[in-house]
PDB file of N, CA and C in Angstrom:
ATOM      1  N   MET A   1      10.336   1.651 -18.885  1.00  0.00           N
ATOM      2  CA  MET A   1      10.180   0.594 -17.907  1.00  0.00           C
ATOM      3  C   MET A   1       8.763   0.086 -18.002  1.00  0.00           C
ATOM      4  N   TYR A   2       8.601  -1.193 -17.919  1.00  0.00           N
ATOM      5  CA  TYR A   2       7.326  -1.839 -17.904  1.00  0.00           C
ATOM      6  C   TYR A   2       6.925  -2.218 -16.459  1.00  0.00           C
ATOM      7  N   ILE A   3       5.641  -2.417 -16.241  1.00  0.00           N
ATOM      8  CA  ILE A   3       5.136  -2.647 -14.886  1.00  0.00           C
ATOM      9  C   ILE A   3       5.729  -3.922 -14.313  1.00  0.00           C
ATOM     10  N   ASP A   4       5.922  -4.986 -15.112  1.00  0.00           N
ATOM     11  CA  ASP A   4       6.517  -6.198 -14.566  1.00  0.00           C
ATOM     12  C   ASP A   4       7.948  -5.969 -14.123  1.00  0.00           C
ATOM     13  N   GLU A   5       8.725  -5.165 -14.831  1.00  0.00           N
ATOM     14  CA  GLU A   5      10.117  -4.830 -14.462  1.00  0.00           C
ATOM     15  C   GLU A   5      10.098  -4.055 -13.142  1.00  0.00           C
ATOM     16  N   PHE A   6       9.191  -3.106 -13.026  1.00  0.00           N
ATOM     17  CA  PHE A   6       9.053  -2.276 -11.813  1.00  0.00           C
ATOM     18  C   PHE A   6       8.723  -3.194 -10.609  1.00  0.00           C
ATOM     19  N   ARG A   7       7.681  -3.980 -10.772  1.00  0.00           N
ATOM     20  CA  ARG A   7       7.279  -4.874  -9.715  1.00  0.00           C
ATOM     21  C   ARG A   7       8.372  -5.848  -9.292  1.00  0.00           C
ATOM     22  N   ASP A   8       9.003  -6.485 -10.253  1.00  0.00           N
ATOM     23  CA  ASP A   8      10.031  -7.479  -9.957  1.00  0.00           C
ATOM     24  C   ASP A   8      11.216  -6.773  -9.232  1.00  0.00           C
ATOM     25  N   TYR A   9      11.571  -5.599  -9.653  1.00  0.00           N
ATOM     26  CA  TYR A   9      12.674  -4.837  -9.051  1.00  0.00           C
ATOM     27  C   TYR A   9      12.358  -4.559  -7.595  1.00  0.00           C
ATOM     28  N   CYS A  10      11.137  -4.108  -7.305  1.00  0.00           N
ATOM     29  CA  CYS A  10      10.740  -3.764  -5.934  1.00  0.00           C
ATOM     30  C   CYS A  10      10.624  -4.997  -5.060  1.00  0.00           C
ATOM     31  N   ILE A  11       9.925  -5.982  -5.565  1.00  0.00           N
ATOM     32  CA  ILE A  11       9.601  -7.176  -4.746  1.00  0.00           C
ATOM     33  C   ILE A  11      10.863  -7.979  -4.378  1.00  0.00           C
ATOM     34  N   ALA A  12      11.927  -7.782  -5.131  1.00  0.00           N
ATOM     35  CA  ALA A  12      13.199  -8.503  -4.847  1.00  0.00           C
ATOM     36  C   ALA A  12      13.922  -7.942  -3.614  1.00  0.00           C
ATOM     37  N   LYS A  13      13.517  -6.752  -3.175  1.00  0.00           N
ATOM     38  CA  LYS A  13      14.210  -6.111  -2.057  1.00  0.00           C
ATOM     39  C   LYS A  13      13.712  -6.807  -0.742  1.00  0.00           C
ATOM     40  N   PRO A  14      14.584  -6.869   0.259  1.00  0.00           N
ATOM     41  CA  PRO A  14      14.251  -7.495   1.528  1.00  0.00           C
ATOM     42  C   PRO A  14      13.055  -6.786   2.219  1.00  0.00           C
ATOM     43  N   GLY A  15      12.156  -7.555   2.766  1.00  0.00           N
ATOM     44  CA  GLY A  15      11.032  -7.039   3.529  1.00  0.00           C
ATOM     45  C   GLY A  15       9.934  -6.416   2.751  1.00  0.00           C
ATOM     46  N   VAL A  16       9.938  -6.570   1.398  1.00  0.00           N
ATOM     47  CA  VAL A  16       8.927  -5.873   0.609  1.00  0.00           C
ATOM     48  C   VAL A  16       7.704  -6.800   0.339  1.00  0.00           C
ATOM     49  N   THR A  17       6.541  -6.205   0.537  1.00  0.00           N
ATOM     50  CA  THR A  17       5.256  -6.899   0.235  1.00  0.00           C
ATOM     51  C   THR A  17       4.482  -5.966  -0.718  1.00  0.00           C
ATOM     52  N   GLU A  18       3.494  -6.560  -1.369  1.00  0.00           N
ATOM     53  CA  GLU A  18       2.655  -5.765  -2.275  1.00  0.00           C
ATOM     54  C   GLU A  18       1.233  -5.948  -1.835  1.00  0.00           C
ATOM     55  N   GLU A  19       0.446  -4.871  -2.006  1.00  0.00           N
ATOM     56  CA  GLU A  19      -0.946  -4.872  -1.579  1.00  0.00           C
ATOM     57  C   GLU A  19      -1.739  -3.979  -2.554  1.00  0.00           C
ATOM     58  N   THR A  20      -3.057  -4.014  -2.411  1.00  0.00           N
ATOM     59  CA  THR A  20      -3.949  -3.187  -3.183  1.00  0.00           C
ATOM     60  C   THR A  20      -4.973  -2.527  -2.214  1.00  0.00           C
ATOM     61  N   PRO A  21      -4.509  -1.805  -1.206  1.00  0.00           N
ATOM     62  CA  PRO A  21      -5.394  -1.260  -0.210  1.00  0.00           C
ATOM     63  C   PRO A  21      -6.335  -0.124  -0.704  1.00  0.00           C
ATOM     64  N   PHE A  22      -5.955   0.466  -1.843  1.00  0.00           N
ATOM     65  CA  PHE A  22      -6.797   1.549  -2.405  1.00  0.00           C
ATOM     66  C   PHE A  22      -7.713   1.071  -3.504  1.00  0.00           C
ATOM     67  N   GLY A  23      -7.811  -0.238  -3.643  1.00  0.00           N
ATOM     68  CA  GLY A  23      -8.647  -0.831  -4.706  1.00  0.00           C
ATOM     69  C   GLY A  23      -7.826  -1.637  -5.652  1.00  0.00           C
ATOM     70  N   PRO A  24      -8.464  -2.386  -6.511  1.00  0.00           N
ATOM     71  CA  PRO A  24      -7.758  -3.353  -7.374  1.00  0.00           C
ATOM     72  C   PRO A  24      -6.896  -2.698  -8.493  1.00  0.00           C
ATOM     73  N   ASP A  25      -7.053  -1.385  -8.659  1.00  0.00           N
ATOM     74  CA  ASP A  25      -6.300  -0.691  -9.742  1.00  0.00           C
ATOM     75  C   ASP A  25      -5.008  -0.077  -9.297  1.00  0.00           C
ATOM     76  N   THR A  26      -4.695  -0.082  -8.003  1.00  0.00           N
ATOM     77  CA  THR A  26      -3.474   0.551  -7.452  1.00  0.00           C
ATOM     78  C   THR A  26      -2.596  -0.409  -6.724  1.00  0.00           C
ATOM     79  N   LEU A  27      -1.413  -0.646  -7.218  1.00  0.00           N
ATOM     80  CA  LEU A  27      -0.441  -1.523  -6.566  1.00  0.00           C
ATOM     81  C   LEU A  27       0.427  -0.667  -5.592  1.00  0.00           C
ATOM     82  N   VAL A  28       0.473  -1.152  -4.364  1.00  0.00           N
ATOM     83  CA  VAL A  28       1.254  -0.491  -3.323  1.00  0.00           C
ATOM     84  C   VAL A  28       2.331  -1.446  -2.857  1.00  0.00           C
ATOM     85  N   LEU A  29       3.587  -0.956  -2.824  1.00  0.00           N
ATOM     86  CA  LEU A  29       4.708  -1.770  -2.357  1.00  0.00           C
ATOM     87  C   LEU A  29       5.173  -1.111  -1.039  1.00  0.00           C
ATOM     88  N   LYS A  30       5.355  -2.047  -0.047  1.00  0.00           N
ATOM     89  CA  LYS A  30       5.723  -1.622   1.292  1.00  0.00           C
ATOM     90  C   LYS A  30       6.974  -2.354   1.757  1.00  0.00           C
ATOM     91  N   VAL A  31       7.777  -1.666   2.545  1.00  0.00           N
ATOM     92  CA  VAL A  31       8.904  -2.307   3.207  1.00  0.00           C
ATOM     93  C   VAL A  31       8.538  -2.413   4.677  1.00  0.00           C
ATOM     94  N   MET A  32       8.424  -3.640   5.163  1.00  0.00           N
ATOM     95  CA  MET A  32       8.026  -3.890   6.571  1.00  0.00           C
ATOM     96  C   MET A  32       6.774  -3.136   6.971  1.00  0.00           C
ATOM     97  N   GLY A  33       5.829  -3.116   6.018  1.00  0.00           N
ATOM     98  CA  GLY A  33       4.484  -2.527   6.292  1.00  0.00           C
ATOM     99  C   GLY A  33       4.393  -1.040   5.971  1.00  0.00           C
ATOM    100  N   LYS A  34       5.465  -0.380   5.547  1.00  0.00           N
ATOM    101  CA  LYS A  34       5.393   1.024   5.245  1.00  0.00           C
ATOM    102  C   LYS A  34       5.593   1.279   3.747  1.00  0.00           C
ATOM    103  N   MET A  35       4.678   2.094   3.238  1.00  0.00           N
ATOM    104  CA  MET A  35       4.634   2.307   1.768  1.00  0.00           C
ATOM    105  C   MET A  35       5.859   3.107   1.289  1.00  0.00           C
ATOM    106  N   PHE A  36       6.465   2.572   0.198  1.00  0.00           N
ATOM    107  CA  PHE A  36       7.513   3.320  -0.421  1.00  0.00           C
ATOM    108  C   PHE A  36       7.317   3.518  -1.954  1.00  0.00           C
ATOM    109  N   ALA A  37       6.338   2.849  -2.533  1.00  0.00           N
ATOM    110  CA  ALA A  37       6.042   2.995  -3.944  1.00  0.00           C
ATOM    111  C   ALA A  37       4.604   2.589  -4.242  1.00  0.00           C
ATOM    112  N   LEU A  38       3.977   3.309  -5.175  1.00  0.00           N
ATOM    113  CA  LEU A  38       2.669   2.887  -5.624  1.00  0.00           C
ATOM    114  C   LEU A  38       2.487   3.337  -7.088  1.00  0.00           C
ATOM    115  N   THR A  39       1.621   2.571  -7.804  1.00  0.00           N
ATOM    116  CA  THR A  39       1.389   2.867  -9.201  1.00  0.00           C
ATOM    117  C   THR A  39       0.065   2.280  -9.582  1.00  0.00           C
ATOM    118  N   GLY A  40      -0.421   2.798 -10.713  1.00  0.00           N
ATOM    119  CA  GLY A  40      -1.662   2.246 -11.303  1.00  0.00           C
ATOM    120  C   GLY A  40      -1.424   0.926 -12.031  1.00  0.00           C
ATOM    121  N   LEU A  41      -2.315  -0.003 -11.849  1.00  0.00           N
ATOM    122  CA  LEU A  41      -2.160  -1.280 -12.558  1.00  0.00           C
ATOM    123  C   LEU A  41      -2.774  -1.239 -13.940  1.00  0.00           C
ATOM    124  N   ASP A  42      -3.915  -0.600 -14.104  1.00  0.00           N
ATOM    125  CA  ASP A  42      -4.572  -0.528 -15.418  1.00  0.00           C
ATOM    126  C   ASP A  42      -3.854   0.506 -16.329  1.00  0.00           C
ATOM    127  N   HIS A  43      -3.335   1.557 -15.742  1.00  0.00           N
ATOM    128  CA  HIS A  43      -2.653   2.599 -16.487  1.00  0.00           C
ATOM    129  C   HIS A  43      -1.332   2.857 -15.847  1.00  0.00           C
ATOM    130  N   PHE A  44      -0.291   2.185 -16.270  1.00  0.00           N
ATOM    131  CA  PHE A  44       1.060   2.285 -15.730  1.00  0.00           C
ATOM    132  C   PHE A  44       1.722   3.486 -16.399  1.00  0.00           C
ATOM    133  N   GLU A  45       1.389   4.698 -15.901  1.00  0.00           N
ATOM    134  CA  GLU A  45       1.901   5.951 -16.486  1.00  0.00           C
ATOM    135  C   GLU A  45       3.027   6.536 -15.593  1.00  0.00           C
ATOM    136  N   PHE A  46       2.901   6.381 -14.278  1.00  0.00           N
ATOM    137  CA  PHE A  46       3.927   6.908 -13.379  1.00  0.00           C
ATOM    138  C   PHE A  46       3.964   6.087 -12.104  1.00  0.00           C
ATOM    139  N   ILE A  47       5.005   6.297 -11.353  1.00  0.00           N
ATOM    140  CA  ILE A  47       5.213   5.637 -10.068  1.00  0.00           C
ATOM    141  C   ILE A  47       5.348   6.747  -9.045  1.00  0.00           C
ATOM    142  N   ASN A  48       4.619   6.635  -7.930  1.00  0.00           N
ATOM    143  CA  ASN A  48       4.806   7.578  -6.863  1.00  0.00           C
ATOM    144  C   ASN A  48       5.897   7.017  -5.959  1.00  0.00           C
ATOM    145  N   LEU A  49       6.904   7.806  -5.653  1.00  0.00           N
ATOM    146  CA  LEU A  49       8.038   7.404  -4.808  1.00  0.00           C
ATOM    147  C   LEU A  49       8.357   8.459  -3.808  1.00  0.00           C
ATOM    148  N   LYS A  50       8.685   8.002  -2.623  1.00  0.00           N
ATOM    149  CA  LYS A  50       9.043   8.924  -1.542  1.00  0.00           C
ATOM    150  C   LYS A  50      10.457   9.457  -1.878  1.00  0.00           C
ATOM    151  N   CYS A  51      10.674  10.699  -1.433  1.00  0.00           N
ATOM    152  CA  CYS A  51      11.967  11.350  -1.726  1.00  0.00           C
ATOM    153  C   CYS A  51      12.262  12.422  -0.678  1.00  0.00           C
ATOM    154  N   GLU A  52      13.527  12.680  -0.393  1.00  0.00           N
ATOM    155  CA  GLU A  52      13.881  13.764   0.535  1.00  0.00           C
ATOM    156  C   GLU A  52      13.434  15.075  -0.110  1.00  0.00           C
ATOM    157  N   PRO A  53      12.885  15.982   0.663  1.00  0.00           N
ATOM    158  CA  PRO A  53      12.357  17.246   0.110  1.00  0.00           C
ATOM    159  C   PRO A  53      13.286  18.044  -0.779  1.00  0.00           C
ATOM    160  N   GLU A  54      14.586  18.217  -0.285  1.00  0.00           N
ATOM    161  CA  GLU A  54      15.525  18.972  -1.094  1.00  0.00           C
ATOM    162  C   GLU A  54      15.830  18.311  -2.435  1.00  0.00           C
ATOM    163  N   LYS A  55      15.963  16.991  -2.393  1.00  0.00           N
ATOM    164  CA  LYS A  55      16.240  16.206  -3.607  1.00  0.00           C
ATOM    165  C   LYS A  55      15.012  16.255  -4.522  1.00  0.00           C
ATOM    166  N   SER A  56      13.792  16.215  -3.981  1.00  0.00           N
ATOM    167  CA  SER A  56      12.582  16.291  -4.785  1.00  0.00           C
ATOM    168  C   SER A  56      12.627  17.594  -5.643  1.00  0.00           C
ATOM    169  N   ALA A  57      12.873  18.690  -5.014  1.00  0.00           N
ATOM    170  CA  ALA A  57      12.889  19.974  -5.706  1.00  0.00           C
ATOM    171  C   ALA A  57      13.894  19.970  -6.845  1.00  0.00           C
ATOM    172  N   GLU A  58      15.103  19.481  -6.586  1.00  0.00           N
ATOM    173  CA  GLU A  58      16.148  19.403  -7.609  1.00  0.00           C
ATOM    174  C   GLU A  58      15.747  18.535  -8.795  1.00  0.00           C
ATOM    175  N   LEU A  59      15.173  17.368  -8.469  1.00  0.00           N
ATOM    176  CA  LEU A  59      14.771  16.428  -9.490  1.00  0.00           C
ATOM    177  C   LEU A  59      13.689  17.005 -10.387  1.00  0.00           C
ATOM    178  N   ARG A  60      12.751  17.694  -9.787  1.00  0.00           N
ATOM    179  CA  ARG A  60      11.625  18.314 -10.548  1.00  0.00           C
ATOM    180  C   ARG A  60      12.131  19.382 -11.479  1.00  0.00           C
ATOM    181  N   GLU A  61      13.178  20.080 -11.097  1.00  0.00           N
ATOM    182  CA  GLU A  61      13.773  21.111 -11.980  1.00  0.00           C
ATOM    183  C   GLU A  61      14.545  20.479 -13.119  1.00  0.00           C
ATOM    184  N   GLN A  62      15.168  19.348 -12.875  1.00  0.00           N
ATOM    185  CA  GLN A  62      16.031  18.736 -13.902  1.00  0.00           C
ATOM    186  C   GLN A  62      15.286  17.840 -14.874  1.00  0.00           C
ATOM    187  N   TRP A  63      14.220  17.230 -14.457  1.00  0.00           N
ATOM    188  CA  TRP A  63      13.571  16.213 -15.235  1.00  0.00           C
ATOM    189  C   TRP A  63      12.054  16.557 -15.455  1.00  0.00           C
ATOM    190  N   GLU A  64      11.689  16.699 -16.697  1.00  0.00           N
ATOM    191  CA  GLU A  64      10.275  16.964 -17.025  1.00  0.00           C
ATOM    192  C   GLU A  64       9.338  15.817 -16.561  1.00  0.00           C
ATOM    193  N   GLY A  65       9.824  14.617 -16.499  1.00  0.00           N
ATOM    194  CA  GLY A  65       9.055  13.467 -16.117  1.00  0.00           C
ATOM    195  C   GLY A  65       9.007  13.213 -14.631  1.00  0.00           C
ATOM    196  N   ILE A  66       9.460  14.158 -13.806  1.00  0.00           N
ATOM    197  CA  ILE A  66       9.362  14.023 -12.380  1.00  0.00           C
ATOM    198  C   ILE A  66       8.563  15.258 -11.823  1.00  0.00           C
ATOM    199  N   ARG A  67       7.444  14.931 -11.236  1.00  0.00           N
ATOM    200  CA  ARG A  67       6.562  15.970 -10.821  1.00  0.00           C
ATOM    201  C   ARG A  67       6.085  15.726  -9.374  1.00  0.00           C
ATOM    202  N   PRO A  68       5.470  16.689  -8.734  1.00  0.00           N
ATOM    203  CA  PRO A  68       4.973  16.491  -7.373  1.00  0.00           C
ATOM    204  C   PRO A  68       4.063  15.282  -7.352  1.00  0.00           C
ATOM    205  N   GLY A  69       4.148  14.499  -6.256  1.00  0.00           N
ATOM    206  CA  GLY A  69       3.365  13.266  -6.145  1.00  0.00           C
ATOM    207  C   GLY A  69       1.852  13.478  -6.270  1.00  0.00           C
ATOM    208  N   TRP A  70       1.292  12.787  -7.198  1.00  0.00           N
ATOM    209  CA  TRP A  70      -0.174  12.878  -7.488  1.00  0.00           C
ATOM    210  C   TRP A  70      -0.886  12.201  -6.329  1.00  0.00           C
ATOM    211  N   HIS A  71      -1.816  12.946  -5.692  1.00  0.00           N
ATOM    212  CA  HIS A  71      -2.613  12.516  -4.582  1.00  0.00           C
ATOM    213  C   HIS A  71      -1.777  12.115  -3.342  1.00  0.00           C
ATOM    214  N   MET A  72      -0.567  12.743  -3.265  1.00  0.00           N
ATOM    215  CA  MET A  72       0.367  12.424  -2.161  1.00  0.00           C
ATOM    216  C   MET A  72       0.822  13.785  -1.573  1.00  0.00           C
ATOM    217  N   ASN A  73       1.539  13.694  -0.434  1.00  0.00           N
ATOM    218  CA  ASN A  73       2.198  14.848   0.136  1.00  0.00           C
ATOM    219  C   ASN A  73       3.256  15.352  -0.873  1.00  0.00           C
ATOM    220  N   LYS A  74       3.060  16.504  -1.444  1.00  0.00           N
ATOM    221  CA  LYS A  74       3.887  17.019  -2.530  1.00  0.00           C
ATOM    222  C   LYS A  74       5.347  17.333  -2.038  1.00  0.00           C
ATOM    223  N   THR A  75       5.541  17.466  -0.775  1.00  0.00           N
ATOM    224  CA  THR A  75       6.881  17.743  -0.234  1.00  0.00           C
ATOM    225  C   THR A  75       7.721  16.492  -0.229  1.00  0.00           C
ATOM    226  N   HIS A  76       7.101  15.356   0.065  1.00  0.00           N
ATOM    227  CA  HIS A  76       7.809  14.098   0.268  1.00  0.00           C
ATOM    228  C   HIS A  76       7.644  13.047  -0.809  1.00  0.00           C
ATOM    229  N   TRP A  77       6.789  13.289  -1.780  1.00  0.00           N
ATOM    230  CA  TRP A  77       6.527  12.299  -2.819  1.00  0.00           C
ATOM    231  C   TRP A  77       6.644  12.857  -4.209  1.00  0.00           C
ATOM    232  N   ASN A  78       7.185  12.120  -5.121  1.00  0.00           N
ATOM    233  CA  ASN A  78       7.286  12.475  -6.524  1.00  0.00           C
ATOM    234  C   ASN A  78       6.493  11.464  -7.360  1.00  0.00           C
ATOM    235  N   SER A  79       5.942  11.926  -8.427  1.00  0.00           N
ATOM    236  CA  SER A  79       5.399  11.068  -9.447  1.00  0.00           C
ATOM    237  C   SER A  79       6.452  11.030 -10.576  1.00  0.00           C
ATOM    238  N   VAL A  80       6.980   9.819 -10.836  1.00  0.00           N
ATOM    239  CA  VAL A  80       8.050   9.604 -11.777  1.00  0.00           C
ATOM    240  C   VAL A  80       7.391   8.931 -12.976  1.00  0.00           C
ATOM    241  N   PHE A  81       7.349   9.607 -14.122  1.00  0.00           N
ATOM    242  CA  PHE A  81       6.691   9.070 -15.292  1.00  0.00           C
ATOM    243  C   PHE A  81       7.581   8.047 -15.993  1.00  0.00           C
ATOM    244  N   VAL A  82       6.921   6.991 -16.522  1.00  0.00           N
ATOM    245  CA  VAL A  82       7.607   5.892 -17.193  1.00  0.00           C
ATOM    246  C   VAL A  82       7.429   5.928 -18.669  1.00  0.00           C
ATOM    247  N   ASP A  83       7.326   7.138 -19.249  1.00  0.00           N
ATOM    248  CA  ASP A  83       7.124   7.336 -20.661  1.00  0.00           C
ATOM    249  C   ASP A  83       8.427   7.539 -21.473  1.00  0.00           C
ATOM    250  N   GLY A  84       9.552   7.295 -20.820  1.00  0.00           N
ATOM    251  CA  GLY A  84      10.838   7.466 -21.473  1.00  0.00           C
ATOM    252  C   GLY A  84      11.505   8.813 -21.175  1.00  0.00           C
ATOM    253  N   SER A  85      10.779   9.713 -20.497  1.00  0.00           N
ATOM    254  CA  SER A  85      11.335  11.011 -20.159  1.00  0.00           C
ATOM    255  C   SER A  85      12.326  10.919 -18.970  1.00  0.00           C
ATOM    256  N   VAL A  86      12.275   9.833 -18.243  1.00  0.00           N
ATOM    257  CA  VAL A  86      13.211   9.580 -17.186  1.00  0.00           C
ATOM    258  C   VAL A  86      13.823   8.156 -17.482  1.00  0.00           C
ATOM    259  N   PRO A  87      15.144   8.113 -17.610  1.00  0.00           N
ATOM    260  CA  PRO A  87      15.761   6.795 -17.958  1.00  0.00           C
ATOM    261  C   PRO A  87      15.484   5.725 -16.910  1.00  0.00           C
ATOM    262  N   ASP A  88      15.431   4.474 -17.349  1.00  0.00           N
ATOM    263  CA  ASP A  88      15.127   3.348 -16.424  1.00  0.00           C
ATOM    264  C   ASP A  88      16.121   3.253 -15.294  1.00  0.00           C
ATOM    265  N   ASN A  89      17.390   3.532 -15.557  1.00  0.00           N
ATOM    266  CA  ASN A  89      18.424   3.449 -14.487  1.00  0.00           C
ATOM    267  C   ASN A  89      18.148   4.542 -13.436  1.00  0.00           C
ATOM    268  N   MET A  90      17.679   5.693 -13.846  1.00  0.00           N
ATOM    269  CA  MET A  90      17.317   6.737 -12.923  1.00  0.00           C
ATOM    270  C   MET A  90      16.100   6.358 -12.066  1.00  0.00           C
ATOM    271  N   ILE A  91      15.134   5.683 -12.744  1.00  0.00           N
ATOM    272  CA  ILE A  91      13.948   5.234 -12.023  1.00  0.00           C
ATOM    273  C   ILE A  91      14.333   4.213 -10.963  1.00  0.00           C
ATOM    274  N   ARG A  92      15.239   3.289 -11.317  1.00  0.00           N
ATOM    275  CA  ARG A  92      15.707   2.278 -10.321  1.00  0.00           C
ATOM    276  C   ARG A  92      16.411   3.000  -9.165  1.00  0.00           C
ATOM    277  N   ASP A  93      17.235   4.027  -9.470  1.00  0.00           N
ATOM    278  CA  ASP A  93      17.886   4.752  -8.383  1.00  0.00           C
ATOM    279  C   ASP A  93      16.906   5.433  -7.439  1.00  0.00           C
ATOM    280  N   LEU A  94      15.804   5.969  -8.046  1.00  0.00           N
ATOM    281  CA  LEU A  94      14.785   6.629  -7.264  1.00  0.00           C
ATOM    282  C   LEU A  94      13.958   5.598  -6.442  1.00  0.00           C
ATOM    283  N   ILE A  95      13.748   4.446  -6.980  1.00  0.00           N
ATOM    284  CA  ILE A  95      13.090   3.358  -6.211  1.00  0.00           C
ATOM    285  C   ILE A  95      13.990   2.990  -5.038  1.00  0.00           C
ATOM    286  N   ASP A  96      15.305   2.881  -5.262  1.00  0.00           N
ATOM    287  CA  ASP A  96      16.231   2.552  -4.194  1.00  0.00           C
ATOM    288  C   ASP A  96      16.196   3.650  -3.113  1.00  0.00           C
ATOM    289  N   HIS A  97      16.218   4.873  -3.523  1.00  0.00           N
ATOM    290  CA  HIS A  97      16.209   6.002  -2.606  1.00  0.00           C
ATOM    291  C   HIS A  97      14.920   5.954  -1.743  1.00  0.00           C
ATOM    292  N   SER A  98      13.822   5.708  -2.377  1.00  0.00           N
ATOM    293  CA  SER A  98      12.550   5.660  -1.633  1.00  0.00           C
ATOM    294  C   SER A  98      12.555   4.507  -0.640  1.00  0.00           C
ATOM    295  N   TYR A  99      12.980   3.329  -1.075  1.00  0.00           N
ATOM    296  CA  TYR A  99      13.034   2.153  -0.232  1.00  0.00           C
ATOM    297  C   TYR A  99      13.971   2.477   0.981  1.00  0.00           C
ATOM    298  N   GLU A 100      15.149   2.986   0.735  1.00  0.00           N
ATOM    299  CA  GLU A 100      16.109   3.291   1.814  1.00  0.00           C
ATOM    300  C   GLU A 100      15.610   4.358   2.755  1.00  0.00           C
ATOM    301  N   LEU A 101      14.904   5.337   2.206  1.00  0.00           N
ATOM    302  CA  LEU A 101      14.375   6.426   3.033  1.00  0.00           C
ATOM    303  C   LEU A 101      13.309   5.862   3.977  1.00  0.00           C
ATOM    304  N   VAL A 102      12.428   5.019   3.518  1.00  0.00           N
ATOM    305  CA  VAL A 102      11.370   4.450   4.325  1.00  0.00           C
ATOM    306  C   VAL A 102      12.014   3.446   5.303  1.00  0.00           C
ATOM    307  N   ALA A 103      12.924   2.611   4.806  1.00  0.00           N
ATOM    308  CA  ALA A 103      13.574   1.610   5.717  1.00  0.00           C
ATOM    309  C   ALA A 103      14.305   2.287   6.861  1.00  0.00           C
ATOM    310  N   SER A 104      14.927   3.429   6.604  1.00  0.00           N
ATOM    311  CA  SER A 104      15.639   4.116   7.646  1.00  0.00           C
ATOM    312  C   SER A 104      14.756   4.783   8.706  1.00  0.00           C
ATOM    313  N   SER A 105      13.464   4.912   8.364  1.00  0.00           N
ATOM    314  CA  SER A 105      12.496   5.490   9.356  1.00  0.00           C
ATOM    315  C   SER A 105      11.756   4.462  10.150  1.00  0.00           C
ATOM    316  N   LEU A 106      12.103   3.186   9.891  1.00  0.00           N
ATOM    317  CA  LEU A 106      11.422   2.137  10.653  1.00  0.00           C
ATOM    318  C   LEU A 106      11.867   2.130  12.104  1.00  0.00           C
ATOM    319  N   SER A 107      11.058   1.519  12.955  1.00  0.00           N
ATOM    320  CA  SER A 107      11.398   1.362  14.384  1.00  0.00           C
ATOM    321  C   SER A 107      12.658   0.499  14.492  1.00  0.00           C
ATOM    322  N   LYS A 108      13.287   0.568  15.651  1.00  0.00           N
ATOM    323  CA  LYS A 108      14.504  -0.244  15.862  1.00  0.00           C
ATOM    324  C   LYS A 108      14.178  -1.710  15.711  1.00  0.00           C
ATOM    325  N   LYS A 109      13.068  -2.137  16.234  1.00  0.00           N
ATOM    326  CA  LYS A 109      12.661  -3.524  16.162  1.00  0.00           C
ATOM    327  C   LYS A 109      12.469  -3.978  14.690  1.00  0.00           C
ATOM    328  N   LEU A 110      11.781  -3.160  13.900  1.00  0.00           N
ATOM    329  CA  LEU A 110      11.572  -3.526  12.484  1.00  0.00           C
ATOM    330  C   LEU A 110      12.893  -3.477  11.706  1.00  0.00           C
ATOM    331  N   LYS A 111      13.780  -2.510  12.011  1.00  0.00           N
ATOM    332  CA  LYS A 111      15.060  -2.480  11.366  1.00  0.00           C
ATOM    333  C   LYS A 111      15.857  -3.758  11.619  1.00  0.00           C
ATOM    334  N   GLU A 112      15.826  -4.255  12.848  1.00  0.00           N
ATOM    335  CA  GLU A 112      16.520  -5.452  13.188  1.00  0.00           C
ATOM    336  C   GLU A 112      15.887  -6.664  12.434  1.00  0.00           C
ATOM    337  N   GLU A 113      14.586  -6.685  12.398  1.00  0.00           N
ATOM    338  CA  GLU A 113      13.909  -7.761  11.681  1.00  0.00           C
ATOM    339  C   GLU A 113      14.243  -7.726  10.170  1.00  0.00           C
ATOM    340  N   LEU A 114      14.328  -6.520   9.603  1.00  0.00           N
ATOM    341  CA  LEU A 114      14.667  -6.369   8.170  1.00  0.00           C
ATOM    342  C   LEU A 114      16.083  -6.838   7.939  1.00  0.00           C
ATOM    343  N   LYS A 115      17.013  -6.536   8.849  1.00  0.00           N
ATOM    344  CA  LYS A 115      18.412  -6.986   8.674  1.00  0.00           C
ATOM    345  C   LYS A 115      18.485  -8.487   8.650  1.00  0.00           C
ATOM    346  N   SER A 116      17.610  -9.198   9.341  1.00  0.00           N
ATOM    347  CA  SER A 116      17.665 -10.648   9.428  1.00  0.00           C
ATOM    348  C   SER A 116      17.081 -11.369   8.174  1.00  0.00           C
ATOM    349  N   LEU A 117      16.459 -10.571   7.278  1.00  0.00           N
ATOM    350  CA  LEU A 117      15.850 -11.180   6.126  1.00  0.00           C
ATOM    351  C   LEU A 117      16.896 -11.432   5.010  1.00  0.00           C
TER     352      LEU A 117
END
């Protein structure tokens, strides 16, 4: 997966915005203001994605290219490498999972706003 494919896939989802709050080298994608994905812009090596803790552990055992989230809460975040060790369709599934996990944790007001988009 290339960075433009990653970005386009994420930004097409309802309520998604992109920011660089950690500096110009880190792209952060948020759904209704809550982060669900981030990656390096200069070095697109992996994507940090939120994940349910039980699923995180299973994925890390099954895939060499899925590791505890770099500079993130290791229980809730995975670093998913884009070096071919994880297929693109699996990466898209994990992006979807992260997006849905974060969207489901939004306040009732934000969930209603997201539904209307």
